[in-house]
Amino acid sequence: MPNEALIVQLLEWIGEQPRGYAETAEAWRTSCPRLTIWEDALSEGLVERVAALPGNAAQVRVTEKGLALIRSAEFAAK
């Protein structure tokens, strides 16, 4: 997977605390066609958008597939 280290960094960032969809998209979106970290994480199913409840903003969270990628990256680093 291209840019895997940056994608793992994104997943860890999302996992630190609840993140809003707008905050995450703004922080990780890029106009560089070679650094499509946010878009890659979405298309690979590593993160998912959680619909907003009335009065709250939409959230994003790491999926099971994303958690597995984090674990494999941690294992590879040992």
C-alpha atoms as a PDB file:
ATOM      1  CA  MET A   1       0.000   0.000   0.000  1.00  0.00           C
ATOM      2  CA  PRO A   2       1.531   3.329  -0.990  1.00  0.00           C
ATOM      3  CA  ASN A   3       2.172   5.763   1.846  1.00  0.00           C
ATOM      4  CA  GLU A   4       1.475   3.075   4.448  1.00  0.00           C
ATOM      5  CA  ALA A   5       3.497   4.802   7.179  1.00  0.00           C
ATOM      6  CA  LEU A   6       1.482   7.998   6.779  1.00  0.00           C
ATOM      7  CA  ILE A   7      -1.784   6.068   6.721  1.00  0.00           C
ATOM      8  CA  VAL A   8      -0.831   4.355   9.989  1.00  0.00           C
ATOM      9  CA  GLN A   9      -0.042   7.788  11.421  1.00  0.00           C
ATOM     10  CA  LEU A  10      -3.518   8.982  10.395  1.00  0.00           C
ATOM     11  CA  LEU A  11      -5.152   5.931  11.980  1.00  0.00           C
ATOM     12  CA  GLU A  12      -3.246   6.448  15.223  1.00  0.00           C
ATOM     13  CA  TRP A  13      -4.226  10.147  15.224  1.00  0.00           C
ATOM     14  CA  ILE A  14      -7.907   9.287  14.790  1.00  0.00           C
ATOM     15  CA  GLY A  15      -7.640   6.633  17.493  1.00  0.00           C
ATOM     16  CA  GLU A  16      -6.241   9.048  20.111  1.00  0.00           C
ATOM     17  CA  GLN A  17      -9.595  10.748  20.720  1.00  0.00           C
ATOM     18  CA  PRO A  18     -12.943  11.205  18.973  1.00  0.00           C
ATOM     19  CA  ARG A  19     -12.425  13.162  15.761  1.00  0.00           C
ATOM     20  CA  GLY A  20     -14.988  15.043  13.773  1.00  0.00           C
ATOM     21  CA  TYR A  21     -15.348  14.230  10.086  1.00  0.00           C
ATOM     22  CA  ALA A  22     -14.797  17.858   9.059  1.00  0.00           C
ATOM     23  CA  GLU A  23     -11.740  18.201  11.335  1.00  0.00           C
ATOM     24  CA  THR A  24     -10.202  15.017   9.968  1.00  0.00           C
ATOM     25  CA  ALA A  25     -10.884  15.799   6.329  1.00  0.00           C
ATOM     26  CA  GLU A  26      -9.434  19.294   6.749  1.00  0.00           C
ATOM     27  CA  ALA A  27      -6.333  18.106   8.616  1.00  0.00           C
ATOM     28  CA  TRP A  28      -5.496  15.240   6.263  1.00  0.00           C
ATOM     29  CA  ARG A  29      -6.725  16.364   2.844  1.00  0.00           C
ATOM     30  CA  THR A  30      -4.060  17.401   0.386  1.00  0.00           C
ATOM     31  CA  SER A  31      -3.975  18.714  -3.136  1.00  0.00           C
ATOM     32  CA  CYS A  32      -0.871  16.680  -3.899  1.00  0.00           C
ATOM     33  CA  PRO A  33      -1.830  13.691  -6.080  1.00  0.00           C
ATOM     34  CA  ARG A  34       0.988  11.651  -4.546  1.00  0.00           C
ATOM     35  CA  LEU A  35      -0.150  12.124  -0.945  1.00  0.00           C
ATOM     36  CA  THR A  36      -3.750  10.979  -0.850  1.00  0.00           C
ATOM     37  CA  ILE A  37      -3.598   9.707   2.727  1.00  0.00           C
ATOM     38  CA  TRP A  38      -7.150  10.578   3.807  1.00  0.00           C
ATOM     39  CA  GLU A  39      -8.667   9.427   0.526  1.00  0.00           C
ATOM     40  CA  ASP A  40      -6.671   6.171   0.569  1.00  0.00           C
ATOM     41  CA  ALA A  41      -7.725   5.386   4.137  1.00  0.00           C
ATOM     42  CA  LEU A  42     -11.377   5.897   3.197  1.00  0.00           C
ATOM     43  CA  SER A  43     -11.238   3.887  -0.012  1.00  0.00           C
ATOM     44  CA  GLU A  44      -9.338   1.027   1.657  1.00  0.00           C
ATOM     45  CA  GLY A  45     -11.974   0.792   4.407  1.00  0.00           C
ATOM     46  CA  LEU A  46      -9.499   1.682   7.173  1.00  0.00           C
ATOM     47  CA  VAL A  47     -11.699   4.458   8.544  1.00  0.00           C
ATOM     48  CA  GLU A  48     -15.419   5.039   8.450  1.00  0.00           C
ATOM     49  CA  ARG A  49     -17.702   8.009   8.787  1.00  0.00           C
ATOM     50  CA  VAL A  50     -20.178   7.731  11.640  1.00  0.00           C
ATOM     51  CA  ALA A  51     -23.444   9.549  11.020  1.00  0.00           C
ATOM     52  CA  ALA A  52     -24.140  12.472  13.294  1.00  0.00           C
ATOM     53  CA  LEU A  53     -26.792  12.343  15.939  1.00  0.00           C
ATOM     54  CA  PRO A  54     -29.070  15.363  16.100  1.00  0.00           C
ATOM     55  CA  GLY A  55     -27.075  18.290  17.444  1.00  0.00           C
ATOM     56  CA  ASN A  56     -23.691  16.633  16.888  1.00  0.00           C
ATOM     57  CA  ALA A  57     -21.177  16.624  14.061  1.00  0.00           C
ATOM     58  CA  ALA A  58     -20.361  13.494  12.089  1.00  0.00           C
ATOM     59  CA  GLN A  59     -17.401  11.540  13.456  1.00  0.00           C
ATOM     60  CA  VAL A  60     -14.796   9.234  11.975  1.00  0.00           C
ATOM     61  CA  ARG A  61     -13.386   6.109  13.541  1.00  0.00           C
ATOM     62  CA  VAL A  62     -10.831   3.453  12.737  1.00  0.00           C
ATOM     63  CA  THR A  63     -12.360   0.223  11.425  1.00  0.00           C
ATOM     64  CA  GLU A  64     -11.303  -3.287  12.400  1.00  0.00           C
ATOM     65  CA  LYS A  65      -9.279  -3.415   9.183  1.00  0.00           C
ATOM     66  CA  GLY A  66      -7.553  -0.182  10.221  1.00  0.00           C
ATOM     67  CA  LEU A  67      -6.813  -1.514  13.692  1.00  0.00           C
ATOM     68  CA  ALA A  68      -5.275  -4.616  12.113  1.00  0.00           C
ATOM     69  CA  LEU A  69      -3.003  -2.402  10.004  1.00  0.00           C
ATOM     70  CA  ILE A  70      -1.886  -0.501  13.112  1.00  0.00           C
ATOM     71  CA  ARG A  71      -1.135  -3.783  14.908  1.00  0.00           C
ATOM     72  CA  SER A  72       0.816  -5.149  11.933  1.00  0.00           C
ATOM     73  CA  ALA A  73       2.852  -1.932  11.696  1.00  0.00           C
ATOM     74  CA  GLU A  74       3.638  -2.114  15.419  1.00  0.00           C
ATOM     75  CA  PHE A  75       4.641  -5.773  15.059  1.00  0.00           C
ATOM     76  CA  ALA A  76       6.882  -4.989  12.069  1.00  0.00           C
ATOM     77  CA  ALA A  77       8.600  -2.214  14.044  1.00  0.00           C
ATOM     78  CA  LYS A  78       9.703  -4.656  16.763  1.00  0.00           C
END
